[in-house]
């Protein structure tokens, strides 16, 4: 049912919902005194001040989470590189032990080829 709603109707429903939510929030701040620099802040100014503060807080949280995610991704990439280096050095260290096996496998592969004319 929601997919049948056009984008204009969806925007109108979202705006109407925000306005209803704003009115409910505004009515809940009745009688609250907030003073900034000795001036009372109430009503619409206080509401939009709180909304602005919440918006700044949301942006700060998103920025902090994004930065934390980038740092963790960088650490994960660094750990993958270190793991690859450790495995590579282990493979190079084990190469002398594998040399006789590789020699036998190479000789068998060399002499088992069929000649094609």
PDB file of N, CA and C in Angstrom:
ATOM      1  N   UNK A   1       0.821  -1.182   0.000  1.00  0.00           N
ATOM      2  CA  UNK A   1       0.000   0.000   0.000  1.00  0.00           C
ATOM      3  C   UNK A   1       0.871   1.253   0.000  1.00  0.00           C
ATOM      4  N   UNK A   2       1.971   1.220   0.729  1.00  0.00           N
ATOM      5  CA  UNK A   2       2.832   2.393   0.811  1.00  0.00           C
ATOM      6  C   UNK A   2       3.504   2.658  -0.538  1.00  0.00           C
ATOM      7  N   UNK A   3       3.796   1.604  -1.298  1.00  0.00           N
ATOM      8  CA  UNK A   3       4.458   1.805  -2.581  1.00  0.00           C
ATOM      9  C   UNK A   3       3.554   2.507  -3.588  1.00  0.00           C
ATOM     10  N   UNK A   4       2.238   2.481  -3.389  1.00  0.00           N
ATOM     11  CA  UNK A   4       1.311   3.140  -4.305  1.00  0.00           C
ATOM     12  C   UNK A   4       1.208   4.649  -4.063  1.00  0.00           C
ATOM     13  N   UNK A   5       1.729   5.120  -2.924  1.00  0.00           N
ATOM     14  CA  UNK A   5       1.653   6.546  -2.594  1.00  0.00           C
ATOM     15  C   UNK A   5       2.700   7.288  -3.416  1.00  0.00           C
ATOM     16  N   UNK A   6       2.304   8.376  -4.039  1.00  0.00           N
ATOM     17  CA  UNK A   6       3.261   9.166  -4.807  1.00  0.00           C
ATOM     18  C   UNK A   6       4.194   9.923  -3.868  1.00  0.00           C
ATOM     19  N   UNK A   7       5.272  10.429  -4.401  1.00  0.00           N
ATOM     20  CA  UNK A   7       6.259  11.103  -3.557  1.00  0.00           C
ATOM     21  C   UNK A   7       5.693  12.394  -2.966  1.00  0.00           C
ATOM     22  N   UNK A   8       4.807  13.094  -3.686  1.00  0.00           N
ATOM     23  CA  UNK A   8       4.214  14.312  -3.137  1.00  0.00           C
ATOM     24  C   UNK A   8       3.339  14.001  -1.936  1.00  0.00           C
ATOM     25  N   UNK A   9       2.567  12.931  -2.037  1.00  0.00           N
ATOM     26  CA  UNK A   9       1.717  12.542  -0.904  1.00  0.00           C
ATOM     27  C   UNK A   9       2.579  12.101   0.271  1.00  0.00           C
ATOM     28  N   UNK A  10       3.668  11.388  -0.022  1.00  0.00           N
ATOM     29  CA  UNK A  10       4.556  10.933   1.041  1.00  0.00           C
ATOM     30  C   UNK A  10       5.188  12.123   1.769  1.00  0.00           C
ATOM     31  N   UNK A  11       5.628  13.127   1.014  1.00  0.00           N
ATOM     32  CA  UNK A  11       6.215  14.329   1.616  1.00  0.00           C
ATOM     33  C   UNK A  11       5.172  15.058   2.444  1.00  0.00           C
ATOM     34  N   UNK A  12       3.951  15.142   1.936  1.00  0.00           N
ATOM     35  CA  UNK A  12       2.884  15.822   2.680  1.00  0.00           C
ATOM     36  C   UNK A  12       2.583  15.089   3.990  1.00  0.00           C
ATOM     37  N   UNK A  13       2.560  13.765   3.940  1.00  0.00           N
ATOM     38  CA  UNK A  13       2.298  12.987   5.160  1.00  0.00           C
ATOM     39  C   UNK A  13       3.433  13.166   6.157  1.00  0.00           C
ATOM     40  N   UNK A  14       4.660  13.175   5.684  1.00  0.00           N
ATOM     41  CA  UNK A  14       5.809  13.360   6.584  1.00  0.00           C
ATOM     42  C   UNK A  14       5.771  14.739   7.221  1.00  0.00           C
ATOM     43  N   UNK A  15       5.505  15.790   6.427  1.00  0.00           N
ATOM     44  CA  UNK A  15       5.431  17.144   6.986  1.00  0.00           C
ATOM     45  C   UNK A  15       4.290  17.285   7.986  1.00  0.00           C
ATOM     46  N   UNK A  16       3.144  16.692   7.680  1.00  0.00           N
ATOM     47  CA  UNK A  16       2.022  16.743   8.600  1.00  0.00           C
ATOM     48  C   UNK A  16       2.361  16.024   9.904  1.00  0.00           C
ATOM     49  N   UNK A  17       3.046  14.903   9.804  1.00  0.00           N
ATOM     50  CA  UNK A  17       3.451  14.168  11.010  1.00  0.00           C
ATOM     51  C   UNK A  17       4.424  14.980  11.842  1.00  0.00           C
ATOM     52  N   UNK A  18       5.359  15.663  11.180  1.00  0.00           N
ATOM     53  CA  UNK A  18       6.317  16.497  11.913  1.00  0.00           C
ATOM     54  C   UNK A  18       5.601  17.652  12.605  1.00  0.00           C
ATOM     55  N   UNK A  19       4.633  18.269  11.914  1.00  0.00           N
ATOM     56  CA  UNK A  19       3.891  19.367  12.536  1.00  0.00           C
ATOM     57  C   UNK A  19       3.077  18.890  13.735  1.00  0.00           C
ATOM     58  N   UNK A  20       2.446  17.726  13.608  1.00  0.00           N
ATOM     59  CA  UNK A  20       1.688  17.180  14.745  1.00  0.00           C
ATOM     60  C   UNK A  20       2.621  16.888  15.913  1.00  0.00           C
ATOM     61  N   UNK A  21       3.775  16.305  15.608  1.00  0.00           N
ATOM     62  CA  UNK A  21       4.759  16.026  16.659  1.00  0.00           C
ATOM     63  C   UNK A  21       5.242  17.322  17.294  1.00  0.00           C
ATOM     64  N   UNK A  22       5.460  18.358  16.469  1.00  0.00           N
ATOM     65  CA  UNK A  22       5.909  19.647  17.000  1.00  0.00           C
ATOM     66  C   UNK A  22       4.860  20.250  17.933  1.00  0.00           C
ATOM     67  N   UNK A  23       3.606  20.147  17.575  1.00  0.00           N
ATOM     68  CA  UNK A  23       2.549  20.695  18.433  1.00  0.00           C
ATOM     69  C   UNK A  23       2.464  19.934  19.751  1.00  0.00           C
ATOM     70  N   UNK A  24       2.627  18.623  19.688  1.00  0.00           N
ATOM     71  CA  UNK A  24       2.602  17.832  20.930  1.00  0.00           C
ATOM     72  C   UNK A  24       3.775  18.218  21.819  1.00  0.00           C
ATOM     73  N   UNK A  25       4.950  18.368  21.231  1.00  0.00           N
ATOM     74  CA  UNK A  25       6.129  18.743  22.000  1.00  0.00           C
ATOM     75  C   UNK A  25       5.981  20.156  22.546  1.00  0.00           C
ATOM     76  N   UNK A  26       5.455  21.064  21.733  1.00  0.00           N
ATOM     77  CA  UNK A  26       5.267  22.438  22.186  1.00  0.00           C
ATOM     78  C   UNK A  26       4.305  22.497  23.369  1.00  0.00           C
ATOM     79  N   UNK A  27       3.265  21.705  23.340  1.00  0.00           N
ATOM     80  CA  UNK A  27       2.312  21.729  24.448  1.00  0.00           C
ATOM     81  C   UNK A  27       2.905  21.118  25.711  1.00  0.00           C
ATOM     82  N   UNK A  28       3.900  20.274  25.569  1.00  0.00           N
ATOM     83  CA  UNK A  28       4.493  19.670  26.761  1.00  0.00           C
ATOM     84  C   UNK A  28       5.483  20.610  27.445  1.00  0.00           C
ATOM     85  N   UNK A  29       5.912  21.694  26.780  1.00  0.00           N
ATOM     86  CA  UNK A  29       6.849  22.637  27.382  1.00  0.00           C
ATOM     87  C   UNK A  29       6.147  23.810  28.051  1.00  0.00           C
ATOM     88  N   UNK A  30       4.861  23.735  28.237  1.00  0.00           N
ATOM     89  CA  UNK A  30       4.121  24.831  28.854  1.00  0.00           C
ATOM     90  C   UNK A  30       4.556  24.991  30.311  1.00  0.00           C
ATOM     91  N   UNK A  31       4.898  26.213  30.691  1.00  0.00           N
ATOM     92  CA  UNK A  31       5.274  26.488  32.075  1.00  0.00           C
ATOM     93  C   UNK A  31       6.737  26.231  32.372  1.00  0.00           C
ATOM     94  N   UNK A  32       7.536  25.895  31.394  1.00  0.00           N
ATOM     95  CA  UNK A  32       8.945  25.643  31.631  1.00  0.00           C
ATOM     96  C   UNK A  32       9.710  26.949  31.432  1.00  0.00           C
ATOM     97  N   UNK A  33      10.582  27.284  32.384  1.00  0.00           N
ATOM     98  CA  UNK A  33      11.372  28.510  32.279  1.00  0.00           C
ATOM     99  C   UNK A  33      12.808  28.165  31.944  1.00  0.00           C
ATOM    100  N   UNK A  34      13.275  28.746  30.852  1.00  0.00           N
ATOM    101  CA  UNK A  34      14.676  28.624  30.467  1.00  0.00           C
ATOM    102  C   UNK A  34      15.205  30.030  30.343  1.00  0.00           C
ATOM    103  N   UNK A  35      16.321  30.300  31.010  1.00  0.00           N
ATOM    104  CA  UNK A  35      16.887  31.637  30.965  1.00  0.00           C
ATOM    105  C   UNK A  35      18.286  31.571  30.365  1.00  0.00           C
ATOM    106  N   UNK A  36      18.499  32.403  29.352  1.00  0.00           N
ATOM    107  CA  UNK A  36      19.812  32.536  28.738  1.00  0.00           C
ATOM    108  C   UNK A  36      20.176  34.005  28.779  1.00  0.00           C
ATOM    109  N   UNK A  37      21.270  34.340  29.428  1.00  0.00           N
ATOM    110  CA  UNK A  37      21.720  35.726  29.617  1.00  0.00           C
ATOM    111  C   UNK A  37      20.644  36.583  30.261  1.00  0.00           C
ATOM    112  N   UNK A  38      19.914  36.019  31.204  1.00  0.00           N
ATOM    113  CA  UNK A  38      18.897  36.761  31.931  1.00  0.00           C
ATOM    114  C   UNK A  38      17.585  36.918  31.200  1.00  0.00           C
ATOM    115  N   UNK A  39      17.457  36.394  29.999  1.00  0.00           N
ATOM    116  CA  UNK A  39      16.207  36.492  29.251  1.00  0.00           C
ATOM    117  C   UNK A  39      15.474  35.166  29.290  1.00  0.00           C
ATOM    118  N   UNK A  40      14.149  35.256  29.436  1.00  0.00           N
ATOM    119  CA  UNK A  40      13.339  34.042  29.411  1.00  0.00           C
ATOM    120  C   UNK A  40      13.175  33.572  27.967  1.00  0.00           C
ATOM    121  N   UNK A  41      13.428  32.305  27.773  1.00  0.00           N
ATOM    122  CA  UNK A  41      13.234  31.692  26.465  1.00  0.00           C
ATOM    123  C   UNK A  41      12.087  30.706  26.612  1.00  0.00           C
ATOM    124  N   UNK A  42      10.998  30.958  25.906  1.00  0.00           N
ATOM    125  CA  UNK A  42       9.855  30.049  26.002  1.00  0.00           C
ATOM    126  C   UNK A  42       9.097  30.071  24.682  1.00  0.00           C
ATOM    127  N   UNK A  43       8.100  29.236  24.592  1.00  0.00           N
ATOM    128  CA  UNK A  43       7.254  29.212  23.411  1.00  0.00           C
ATOM    129  C   UNK A  43       7.972  28.662  22.189  1.00  0.00           C
ATOM    130  N   UNK A  44       7.715  29.313  21.061  1.00  0.00           N
ATOM    131  CA  UNK A  44       8.249  28.839  19.792  1.00  0.00           C
ATOM    132  C   UNK A  44       9.770  28.957  19.763  1.00  0.00           C
ATOM    133  N   UNK A  45      10.310  30.042  20.301  1.00  0.00           N
ATOM    134  CA  UNK A  45      11.773  30.223  20.332  1.00  0.00           C
ATOM    135  C   UNK A  45      12.458  29.133  21.138  1.00  0.00           C
ATOM    136  N   UNK A  46      11.887  28.794  22.292  1.00  0.00           N
ATOM    137  CA  UNK A  46      12.459  27.725  23.112  1.00  0.00           C
ATOM    138  C   UNK A  46      12.371  26.375  22.426  1.00  0.00           C
ATOM    139  N   UNK A  47      11.229  26.141  21.768  1.00  0.00           N
ATOM    140  CA  UNK A  47      11.053  24.870  21.059  1.00  0.00           C
ATOM    141  C   UNK A  47      12.078  24.724  19.940  1.00  0.00           C
ATOM    142  N   UNK A  48      12.206  25.790  19.105  1.00  0.00           N
ATOM    143  CA  UNK A  48      13.148  25.689  18.004  1.00  0.00           C
ATOM    144  C   UNK A  48      14.593  25.692  18.492  1.00  0.00           C
ATOM    145  N   UNK A  49      14.841  26.296  19.650  1.00  0.00           N
ATOM    146  CA  UNK A  49      16.176  26.202  20.253  1.00  0.00           C
ATOM    147  C   UNK A  49      16.507  24.773  20.647  1.00  0.00           C
ATOM    148  N   UNK A  50      15.510  24.101  21.230  1.00  0.00           N
ATOM    149  CA  UNK A  50      15.708  22.699  21.613  1.00  0.00           C
ATOM    150  C   UNK A  50      15.869  21.823  20.372  1.00  0.00           C
ATOM    151  N   UNK A  51      15.053  22.089  19.334  1.00  0.00           N
ATOM    152  CA  UNK A  51      15.168  21.324  18.086  1.00  0.00           C
ATOM    153  C   UNK A  51      16.541  21.551  17.455  1.00  0.00           C
ATOM    154  N   UNK A  52      17.017  22.803  17.473  1.00  0.00           N
ATOM    155  CA  UNK A  52      18.340  23.102  16.927  1.00  0.00           C
ATOM    156  C   UNK A  52      19.430  22.384  17.719  1.00  0.00           C
ATOM    157  N   UNK A  53      19.306  22.396  19.035  1.00  0.00           N
ATOM    158  CA  UNK A  53      20.282  21.689  19.867  1.00  0.00           C
ATOM    159  C   UNK A  53      20.278  20.192  19.600  1.00  0.00           C
ATOM    160  N   UNK A  54      19.080  19.614  19.449  1.00  0.00           N
ATOM    161  CA  UNK A  54      18.994  18.175  19.144  1.00  0.00           C
ATOM    162  C   UNK A  54      19.559  17.882  17.759  1.00  0.00           C
ATOM    163  N   UNK A  55      19.316  18.776  16.795  1.00  0.00           N
ATOM    164  CA  UNK A  55      19.872  18.590  15.455  1.00  0.00           C
ATOM    165  C   UNK A  55      21.391  18.624  15.467  1.00  0.00           C
ATOM    166  N   UNK A  56      21.969  19.577  16.204  1.00  0.00           N
ATOM    167  CA  UNK A  56      23.426  19.653  16.310  1.00  0.00           C
ATOM    168  C   UNK A  56      23.968  18.403  16.994  1.00  0.00           C
ATOM    169  N   UNK A  57      23.261  17.914  18.010  1.00  0.00           N
ATOM    170  CA  UNK A  57      23.696  16.699  18.702  1.00  0.00           C
ATOM    171  C   UNK A  57      23.658  15.490  17.767  1.00  0.00           C
ATOM    172  N   UNK A  58      22.620  15.387  16.946  1.00  0.00           N
ATOM    173  CA  UNK A  58      22.516  14.264  16.006  1.00  0.00           C
ATOM    174  C   UNK A  58      23.651  14.318  14.991  1.00  0.00           C
ATOM    175  N   UNK A  59      23.932  15.521  14.462  1.00  0.00           N
ATOM    176  CA  UNK A  59      25.036  15.667  13.501  1.00  0.00           C
ATOM    177  C   UNK A  59      26.364  15.289  14.161  1.00  0.00           C
ATOM    178  N   UNK A  60      26.557  15.696  15.414  1.00  0.00           N
ATOM    179  CA  UNK A  60      27.799  15.374  16.117  1.00  0.00           C
ATOM    180  C   UNK A  60      27.931  13.869  16.339  1.00  0.00           C
ATOM    181  N   UNK A  61      26.833  13.211  16.686  1.00  0.00           N
ATOM    182  CA  UNK A  61      26.882  11.764  16.903  1.00  0.00           C
ATOM    183  C   UNK A  61      27.166  11.028  15.601  1.00  0.00           C
ATOM    184  N   UNK A  62      26.518  11.457  14.508  1.00  0.00           N
ATOM    185  CA  UNK A  62      26.764  10.817  13.208  1.00  0.00           C
ATOM    186  C   UNK A  62      28.217  11.019  12.791  1.00  0.00           C
ATOM    187  N   UNK A  63      28.746  12.231  12.977  1.00  0.00           N
ATOM    188  CA  UNK A  63      30.146  12.496  12.643  1.00  0.00           C
ATOM    189  C   UNK A  63      31.082  11.638  13.483  1.00  0.00           C
ATOM    190  N   UNK A  64      30.812  11.544  14.790  1.00  0.00           N
ATOM    191  CA  UNK A  64      31.669  10.745  15.671  1.00  0.00           C
ATOM    192  C   UNK A  64      31.611   9.267  15.301  1.00  0.00           C
ATOM    193  N   UNK A  65      30.420   8.758  14.993  1.00  0.00           N
ATOM    194  CA  UNK A  65      30.316   7.356  14.600  1.00  0.00           C
ATOM    195  C   UNK A  65      30.997   7.096  13.266  1.00  0.00           C
ATOM    196  N   UNK A  66      30.873   8.038  12.325  1.00  0.00           N
ATOM    197  CA  UNK A  66      31.545   7.889  11.035  1.00  0.00           C
ATOM    198  C   UNK A  66      33.053   7.884  11.195  1.00  0.00           C
ATOM    199  N   UNK A  67      33.568   8.801  12.010  1.00  0.00           N
ATOM    200  CA  UNK A  67      35.007   8.857  12.246  1.00  0.00           C
ATOM    201  C   UNK A  67      35.491   7.593  12.948  1.00  0.00           C
ATOM    202  N   UNK A  68      34.739   7.110  13.915  1.00  0.00           N
ATOM    203  CA  UNK A  68      35.101   5.878  14.604  1.00  0.00           C
ATOM    204  C   UNK A  68      35.087   4.694  13.646  1.00  0.00           C
ATOM    205  N   UNK A  69      34.097   4.646  12.761  1.00  0.00           N
ATOM    206  CA  UNK A  69      34.041   3.572  11.772  1.00  0.00           C
ATOM    207  C   UNK A  69      35.228   3.601  10.832  1.00  0.00           C
ATOM    208  N   UNK A  70      35.630   4.813  10.395  1.00  0.00           N
ATOM    209  CA  UNK A  70      36.794   4.905   9.511  1.00  0.00           C
ATOM    210  C   UNK A  70      38.071   4.469  10.219  1.00  0.00           C
ATOM    211  N   UNK A  71      38.210   4.828  11.494  1.00  0.00           N
ATOM    212  CA  UNK A  71      39.396   4.411  12.252  1.00  0.00           C
ATOM    213  C   UNK A  71      39.413   2.895  12.410  1.00  0.00           C
ATOM    214  N   UNK A  72      38.260   2.306  12.732  1.00  0.00           N
ATOM    215  CA  UNK A  72      38.209   0.854  12.888  1.00  0.00           C
ATOM    216  C   UNK A  72      38.455   0.137  11.566  1.00  0.00           C
ATOM    217  N   UNK A  73      37.978   0.690  10.456  1.00  0.00           N
ATOM    218  CA  UNK A  73      38.248   0.097   9.146  1.00  0.00           C
ATOM    219  C   UNK A  73      39.734   0.169   8.820  1.00  0.00           C
ATOM    220  N   UNK A  74      40.372   1.282   9.157  1.00  0.00           N
ATOM    221  CA  UNK A  74      41.815   1.411   8.942  1.00  0.00           C
ATOM    222  C   UNK A  74      42.605   0.418   9.770  1.00  0.00           C
ATOM    223  N   UNK A  75      42.202   0.234  11.019  1.00  0.00           N
ATOM    224  CA  UNK A  75      42.881  -0.738  11.880  1.00  0.00           C
ATOM    225  C   UNK A  75      42.679  -2.148  11.347  1.00  0.00           C
ATOM    226  N   UNK A  76      41.484  -2.448  10.854  1.00  0.00           N
ATOM    227  CA  UNK A  76      41.225  -3.783  10.295  1.00  0.00           C
ATOM    228  C   UNK A  76      42.085  -4.030   9.062  1.00  0.00           C
ATOM    229  N   UNK A  77      42.223  -3.014   8.204  1.00  0.00           N
ATOM    230  CA  UNK A  77      43.076  -3.177   7.020  1.00  0.00           C
ATOM    231  C   UNK A  77      44.535  -3.372   7.431  1.00  0.00           C
ATOM    232  N   UNK A  78      44.981  -2.627   8.424  1.00  0.00           N
ATOM    233  CA  UNK A  78      46.356  -2.783   8.910  1.00  0.00           C
ATOM    234  C   UNK A  78      46.578  -4.182   9.468  1.00  0.00           C
ATOM    235  N   UNK A  79      45.604  -4.699  10.209  1.00  0.00           N
ATOM    236  CA  UNK A  79      45.739  -6.053  10.754  1.00  0.00           C
ATOM    237  C   UNK A  79      45.744  -7.100   9.652  1.00  0.00           C
ATOM    238  N   UNK A  80      44.975  -6.887   8.584  1.00  0.00           N
ATOM    239  CA  UNK A  80      45.000  -7.822   7.446  1.00  0.00           C
ATOM    240  C   UNK A  80      46.369  -7.817   6.776  1.00  0.00           C
ATOM    241  N   UNK A  81      46.957  -6.639   6.618  1.00  0.00           N
ATOM    242  CA  UNK A  81      48.288  -6.554   6.011  1.00  0.00           C
ATOM    243  C   UNK A  81      49.316  -7.245   6.899  1.00  0.00           C
ATOM    244  N   UNK A  82      49.245  -7.023   8.199  1.00  0.00           N
ATOM    245  CA  UNK A  82      50.187  -7.676   9.125  1.00  0.00           C
ATOM    246  C   UNK A  82      50.006  -9.189   9.085  1.00  0.00           C
ATOM    247  N   UNK A  83      48.761  -9.652   9.026  1.00  0.00           N
ATOM    248  CA  UNK A  83      48.494 -11.090   8.956  1.00  0.00           C
ATOM    249  C   UNK A  83      49.058 -11.681   7.673  1.00  0.00           C
ATOM    250  N   UNK A  84      48.914 -10.963   6.550  1.00  0.00           N
ATOM    251  CA  UNK A  84      49.458 -11.440   5.278  1.00  0.00           C
ATOM    252  C   UNK A  84      50.979 -11.485   5.320  1.00  0.00           C
ATOM    253  N   UNK A  85      51.593 -10.502   5.945  1.00  0.00           N
ATOM    254  CA  UNK A  85      53.055 -10.492   6.063  1.00  0.00           C
ATOM    255  C   UNK A  85      53.527 -11.658   6.917  1.00  0.00           C
ATOM    256  N   UNK A  86      52.829 -11.926   8.014  1.00  0.00           N
ATOM    257  CA  UNK A  86      53.207 -13.050   8.879  1.00  0.00           C
ATOM    258  C   UNK A  86      53.056 -14.372   8.138  1.00  0.00           C
ATOM    259  N   UNK A  87      51.945 -14.549   7.417  1.00  0.00           N
ATOM    260  CA  UNK A  87      51.763 -15.790   6.661  1.00  0.00           C
ATOM    261  C   UNK A  87      52.794 -15.930   5.546  1.00  0.00           C
ATOM    262  N   UNK A  88      53.115 -14.829   4.879  1.00  0.00           N
ATOM    263  CA  UNK A  88      54.133 -14.865   3.827  1.00  0.00           C
ATOM    264  C   UNK A  88      55.500 -15.217   4.363  1.00  0.00           C
ATOM    265  N   UNK A  89      55.862 -14.635   5.492  1.00  0.00           N
ATOM    266  CA  UNK A  89      57.164 -14.955   6.079  1.00  0.00           C
ATOM    267  C   UNK A  89      57.190 -16.390   6.587  1.00  0.00           C
ATOM    268  N   UNK A  90      56.074 -16.887   7.075  1.00  0.00           N
ATOM    269  CA  UNK A  90      56.004 -18.282   7.505  1.00  0.00           C
ATOM    270  C   UNK A  90      56.153 -19.218   6.306  1.00  0.00           C
ATOM    271  N   UNK A  91      55.524 -18.863   5.188  1.00  0.00           N
ATOM    272  CA  UNK A  91      55.652 -19.683   3.984  1.00  0.00           C
ATOM    273  C   UNK A  91      57.089 -19.671   3.478  1.00  0.00           C
ATOM    274  N   UNK A  92      57.741 -18.523   3.503  1.00  0.00           N
ATOM    275  CA  UNK A  92      59.146 -18.466   3.084  1.00  0.00           C
ATOM    276  C   UNK A  92      60.055 -19.237   4.035  1.00  0.00           C
ATOM    277  N   UNK A  93      59.716 -19.223   5.323  1.00  0.00           N
ATOM    278  CA  UNK A  93      60.524 -19.978   6.285  1.00  0.00           C
ATOM    279  C   UNK A  93      60.351 -21.482   6.109  1.00  0.00           C
ATOM    280  N   UNK A  94      59.163 -21.913   5.656  1.00  0.00           N
ATOM    281  CA  UNK A  94      58.904 -23.338   5.466  1.00  0.00           C
ATOM    282  C   UNK A  94      59.357 -23.836   4.091  1.00  0.00           C
ATOM    283  N   UNK A  95      59.774 -22.938   3.204  1.00  0.00           N
ATOM    284  CA  UNK A  95      60.156 -23.322   1.852  1.00  0.00           C
ATOM    285  C   UNK A  95      61.297 -24.344   1.813  1.00  0.00           C
ATOM    286  N   UNK A  96      62.344 -24.236   2.632  1.00  0.00           N
ATOM    287  CA  UNK A  96      63.386 -25.278   2.599  1.00  0.00           C
ATOM    288  C   UNK A  96      62.864 -26.665   2.980  1.00  0.00           C
ATOM    289  N   UNK A  97      61.844 -26.711   3.845  1.00  0.00           N
ATOM    290  CA  UNK A  97      61.293 -28.005   4.220  1.00  0.00           C
ATOM    291  C   UNK A  97      60.447 -28.589   3.084  1.00  0.00           C
ATOM    292  N   UNK A  98      59.874 -27.726   2.259  1.00  0.00           N
ATOM    293  CA  UNK A  98      59.043 -28.190   1.158  1.00  0.00           C
ATOM    294  C   UNK A  98      59.842 -28.448  -0.124  1.00  0.00           C
ATOM    295  N   UNK A  99      61.118 -28.051  -0.148  1.00  0.00           N
ATOM    296  CA  UNK A  99      61.911 -28.188  -1.361  1.00  0.00           C
ATOM    297  C   UNK A  99      62.024 -29.634  -1.855  1.00  0.00           C
ATOM    298  N   UNK A 100      62.281 -30.636  -1.001  1.00  0.00           N
ATOM    299  CA  UNK A 100      62.329 -32.010  -1.508  1.00  0.00           C
ATOM    300  C   UNK A 100      60.985 -32.481  -2.092  1.00  0.00           C
ATOM    301  N   UNK A 101      59.898 -32.079  -1.471  1.00  0.00           N
ATOM    302  CA  UNK A 101      58.581 -32.462  -1.975  1.00  0.00           C
ATOM    303  C   UNK A 101      58.330 -31.799  -3.325  1.00  0.00           C
ATOM    304  N   UNK A 102      58.661 -30.521  -3.426  1.00  0.00           N
ATOM    305  CA  UNK A 102      58.480 -29.810  -4.697  1.00  0.00           C
ATOM    306  C   UNK A 102      59.378 -30.391  -5.791  1.00  0.00           C
ATOM    307  N   UNK A 103      60.576 -30.848  -5.433  1.00  0.00           N
ATOM    308  CA  UNK A 103      61.488 -31.450  -6.410  1.00  0.00           C
ATOM    309  C   UNK A 103      60.898 -32.747  -6.962  1.00  0.00           C
ATOM    310  N   UNK A 104      60.365 -33.594  -6.085  1.00  0.00           N
ATOM    311  CA  UNK A 104      59.761 -34.854  -6.536  1.00  0.00           C
ATOM    312  C   UNK A 104      58.536 -34.578  -7.397  1.00  0.00           C
ATOM    313  N   UNK A 105      57.682 -33.642  -7.000  1.00  0.00           N
ATOM    314  CA  UNK A 105      56.492 -33.309  -7.768  1.00  0.00           C
ATOM    315  C   UNK A 105      56.889 -32.754  -9.140  1.00  0.00           C
ATOM    316  N   UNK A 106      57.922 -31.936  -9.192  1.00  0.00           N
ATOM    317  CA  UNK A 106      58.384 -31.395 -10.465  1.00  0.00           C
ATOM    318  C   UNK A 106      58.934 -32.467 -11.387  1.00  0.00           C
ATOM    319  N   UNK A 107      59.705 -33.426 -10.816  1.00  0.00           N
ATOM    320  CA  UNK A 107      60.248 -34.513 -11.644  1.00  0.00           C
ATOM    321  C   UNK A 107      59.132 -35.407 -12.174  1.00  0.00           C
ATOM    322  N   UNK A 108      58.154 -35.711 -11.349  1.00  0.00           N
ATOM    323  CA  UNK A 108      57.028 -36.540 -11.801  1.00  0.00           C
ATOM    324  C   UNK A 108      56.264 -35.801 -12.888  1.00  0.00           C
ATOM    325  N   UNK A 109      56.044 -34.525 -12.735  1.00  0.00           N
ATOM    326  CA  UNK A 109      55.337 -33.750 -13.763  1.00  0.00           C
ATOM    327  C   UNK A 109      56.143 -33.660 -15.046  1.00  0.00           C
ATOM    328  N   UNK A 110      57.471 -33.602 -14.929  1.00  0.00           N
ATOM    329  CA  UNK A 110      58.315 -33.514 -16.115  1.00  0.00           C
ATOM    330  C   UNK A 110      58.306 -34.809 -16.927  1.00  0.00           C
ATOM    331  N   UNK A 111      58.393 -35.932 -16.227  1.00  0.00           N
ATOM    332  CA  UNK A 111      58.471 -37.215 -16.935  1.00  0.00           C
ATOM    333  C   UNK A 111      57.118 -37.833 -17.242  1.00  0.00           C
ATOM    334  N   UNK A 112      56.051 -37.307 -16.719  1.00  0.00           N
ATOM    335  CA  UNK A 112      54.742 -37.897 -17.000  1.00  0.00           C
ATOM    336  C   UNK A 112      54.055 -37.222 -18.182  1.00  0.00           C
ATOM    337  N   UNK A 113      54.668 -36.280 -18.805  1.00  0.00           N
ATOM    338  CA  UNK A 113      54.058 -35.615 -19.976  1.00  0.00           C
ATOM    339  C   UNK A 113      54.079 -36.545 -21.156  1.00  0.00           C
ATOM    340  N   UNK A 114      52.992 -36.547 -21.884  1.00  0.00           N
ATOM    341  CA  UNK A 114      52.912 -37.354 -23.104  1.00  0.00           C
ATOM    342  C   UNK A 114      53.383 -36.520 -24.278  1.00  0.00           C
ATOM    343  N   UNK A 115      54.099 -37.143 -25.127  1.00  0.00           N
ATOM    344  CA  UNK A 115      54.597 -36.420 -26.289  1.00  0.00           C
ATOM    345  C   UNK A 115      53.471 -36.379 -27.335  1.00  0.00           C
ATOM    346  N   UNK A 116      53.266 -35.214 -27.870  1.00  0.00           N
ATOM    347  CA  UNK A 116      52.253 -35.069 -28.904  1.00  0.00           C
ATOM    348  C   UNK A 116      52.947 -34.759 -30.228  1.00  0.00           C
ATOM    349  N   UNK A 117      52.472 -35.365 -31.288  1.00  0.00           N
ATOM    350  CA  UNK A 117      53.141 -35.177 -32.581  1.00  0.00           C
ATOM    351  C   UNK A 117      52.416 -34.198 -33.449  1.00  0.00           C
TER     352      UNK A 117
END
